[in-house]
Amino acid sequence: WVLTTPGQFAAACFGTILFGIALEVVLYKRKAVYAMEPGNLRLCLSVLVYALQLSMGYFIMLIIMTDSGPLFVCTVGGLMIGRVYKR
């Protein structure tokens, strides 16, 4: 995925912020899964949410590894905004 225009880069920055927020929301929602009654449903949901969390975390790592300062700042900003959602 190559960002060749300023519009593409702006969209990538905005998407990165939203993705960081989404990851923090997934982390927040994991607590709701753990609050469920123990059983097979809770186990399956727990595994699925964990897989989603890991996948999103690795994708964020790939964004950071592009060595783009603005994308790094947008990633951290999105995670910070998402953390505020938790409160």
C-alpha atoms as a PDB file:
ATOM      1  CA  TRP A   1       0.000   0.000   0.000  1.00  0.00           C
ATOM      2  CA  VAL A   2       1.695   3.174  -1.215  1.00  0.00           C
ATOM      3  CA  LEU A   3       0.507   6.649  -0.265  1.00  0.00           C
ATOM      4  CA  THR A   4       1.278   8.761  -3.307  1.00  0.00           C
ATOM      5  CA  THR A   5      -1.002  11.780  -2.881  1.00  0.00           C
ATOM      6  CA  PRO A   6      -1.629  14.179   0.017  1.00  0.00           C
ATOM      7  CA  GLY A   7      -5.267  13.027   0.057  1.00  0.00           C
ATOM      8  CA  GLN A   8      -4.248   9.405   0.486  1.00  0.00           C
ATOM      9  CA  PHE A   9      -1.877  10.369   3.283  1.00  0.00           C
ATOM     10  CA  ALA A  10      -4.577  12.403   5.041  1.00  0.00           C
ATOM     11  CA  ALA A  11      -6.991   9.473   4.729  1.00  0.00           C
ATOM     12  CA  ALA A  12      -4.330   7.136   6.141  1.00  0.00           C
ATOM     13  CA  CYS A  13      -3.776   9.468   9.102  1.00  0.00           C
ATOM     14  CA  PHE A  14      -7.513   9.678   9.786  1.00  0.00           C
ATOM     15  CA  GLY A  15      -7.913   5.912   9.403  1.00  0.00           C
ATOM     16  CA  THR A  16      -4.999   5.304  11.747  1.00  0.00           C
ATOM     17  CA  ILE A  17      -6.630   7.471  14.415  1.00  0.00           C
ATOM     18  CA  LEU A  18      -9.889   5.551  14.032  1.00  0.00           C
ATOM     19  CA  PHE A  19      -8.052   2.219  14.152  1.00  0.00           C
ATOM     20  CA  GLY A  20      -6.306   3.203  17.397  1.00  0.00           C
ATOM     21  CA  ILE A  21      -9.659   4.166  18.899  1.00  0.00           C
ATOM     22  CA  ALA A  22     -11.158   0.867  17.717  1.00  0.00           C
ATOM     23  CA  LEU A  23      -8.373  -1.133  19.376  1.00  0.00           C
ATOM     24  CA  GLU A  24      -8.977   0.563  22.708  1.00  0.00           C
ATOM     25  CA  VAL A  25     -12.720  -0.110  22.355  1.00  0.00           C
ATOM     26  CA  VAL A  26     -11.978  -3.803  21.775  1.00  0.00           C
ATOM     27  CA  LEU A  27      -9.833  -3.845  24.911  1.00  0.00           C
ATOM     28  CA  TYR A  28     -12.659  -2.199  26.848  1.00  0.00           C
ATOM     29  CA  LYS A  29     -15.245  -4.663  25.555  1.00  0.00           C
ATOM     30  CA  ARG A  30     -13.097  -7.626  26.632  1.00  0.00           C
ATOM     31  CA  LYS A  31     -14.089  -6.846  30.197  1.00  0.00           C
ATOM     32  CA  ALA A  32     -17.742  -7.364  29.272  1.00  0.00           C
ATOM     33  CA  VAL A  33     -16.888 -10.806  27.920  1.00  0.00           C
ATOM     34  CA  TYR A  34     -15.077 -11.716  31.134  1.00  0.00           C
ATOM     35  CA  ALA A  35     -18.098 -10.588  33.153  1.00  0.00           C
ATOM     36  CA  MET A  36     -20.269 -13.200  31.412  1.00  0.00           C
ATOM     37  CA  GLU A  37     -21.227 -16.429  33.105  1.00  0.00           C
ATOM     38  CA  PRO A  38     -18.504 -19.085  32.659  1.00  0.00           C
ATOM     39  CA  GLY A  39     -19.200 -21.560  29.894  1.00  0.00           C
ATOM     40  CA  ASN A  40     -18.575 -22.378  26.257  1.00  0.00           C
ATOM     41  CA  LEU A  41     -20.050 -19.120  24.947  1.00  0.00           C
ATOM     42  CA  ARG A  42     -17.776 -17.047  27.146  1.00  0.00           C
ATOM     43  CA  LEU A  43     -14.775 -19.134  26.107  1.00  0.00           C
ATOM     44  CA  CYS A  44     -15.531 -18.779  22.389  1.00  0.00           C
ATOM     45  CA  LEU A  45     -16.158 -15.040  22.635  1.00  0.00           C
ATOM     46  CA  SER A  46     -13.039 -14.588  24.724  1.00  0.00           C
ATOM     47  CA  VAL A  47     -10.912 -16.359  22.127  1.00  0.00           C
ATOM     48  CA  LEU A  48     -12.446 -14.382  19.252  1.00  0.00           C
ATOM     49  CA  VAL A  49     -12.011 -11.022  20.968  1.00  0.00           C
ATOM     50  CA  TYR A  50      -8.435 -11.946  21.894  1.00  0.00           C
ATOM     51  CA  ALA A  51      -7.670 -12.885  18.276  1.00  0.00           C
ATOM     52  CA  LEU A  52      -9.144  -9.563  17.127  1.00  0.00           C
ATOM     53  CA  GLN A  53      -7.071  -7.678  19.698  1.00  0.00           C
ATOM     54  CA  LEU A  54      -3.859  -9.414  18.618  1.00  0.00           C
ATOM     55  CA  SER A  55      -4.554  -8.846  14.920  1.00  0.00           C
ATOM     56  CA  MET A  56      -5.271  -5.174  15.461  1.00  0.00           C
ATOM     57  CA  GLY A  57      -2.187  -4.785  17.652  1.00  0.00           C
ATOM     58  CA  TYR A  58       0.081  -6.316  15.017  1.00  0.00           C
ATOM     59  CA  PHE A  59      -1.470  -4.126  12.329  1.00  0.00           C
ATOM     60  CA  ILE A  60      -0.744  -1.058  14.446  1.00  0.00           C
ATOM     61  CA  MET A  61       2.827  -2.314  14.829  1.00  0.00           C
ATOM     62  CA  LEU A  62       3.105  -2.466  11.028  1.00  0.00           C
ATOM     63  CA  ILE A  63       1.877   1.126  10.779  1.00  0.00           C
ATOM     64  CA  ILE A  64       4.497   2.231  13.306  1.00  0.00           C
ATOM     65  CA  MET A  65       7.215   0.329  11.400  1.00  0.00           C
ATOM     66  CA  THR A  66       6.617   2.446   8.276  1.00  0.00           C
ATOM     67  CA  ASP A  67       8.847   5.056   9.947  1.00  0.00           C
ATOM     68  CA  SER A  68       6.335   7.798   9.230  1.00  0.00           C
ATOM     69  CA  GLY A  69       6.316  10.417  11.960  1.00  0.00           C
ATOM     70  CA  PRO A  70       2.805  11.673  11.228  1.00  0.00           C
ATOM     71  CA  LEU A  71       1.381   8.138  11.179  1.00  0.00           C
ATOM     72  CA  PHE A  72       3.156   7.427  14.471  1.00  0.00           C
ATOM     73  CA  VAL A  73       1.621  10.529  16.033  1.00  0.00           C
ATOM     74  CA  CYS A  74      -1.824   9.621  14.659  1.00  0.00           C
ATOM     75  CA  THR A  75      -1.499   6.098  16.049  1.00  0.00           C
ATOM     76  CA  VAL A  76      -0.587   7.303  19.523  1.00  0.00           C
ATOM     77  CA  GLY A  77      -3.280   9.984  19.339  1.00  0.00           C
ATOM     78  CA  GLY A  78      -5.915   7.431  18.365  1.00  0.00           C
ATOM     79  CA  LEU A  79      -4.911   5.138  21.215  1.00  0.00           C
ATOM     80  CA  MET A  80      -5.075   8.071  23.628  1.00  0.00           C
ATOM     81  CA  ILE A  81      -8.526   9.097  22.413  1.00  0.00           C
ATOM     82  CA  GLY A  82      -9.661   5.491  22.703  1.00  0.00           C
ATOM     83  CA  ARG A  83      -8.357   5.348  26.265  1.00  0.00           C
ATOM     84  CA  VAL A  84     -10.494   8.365  27.134  1.00  0.00           C
ATOM     85  CA  TYR A  85     -13.516   6.398  25.844  1.00  0.00           C
ATOM     86  CA  LYS A  86     -12.851   3.793  28.533  1.00  0.00           C
ATOM     87  CA  ARG A  87     -13.468   6.300  31.302  1.00  0.00           C
END
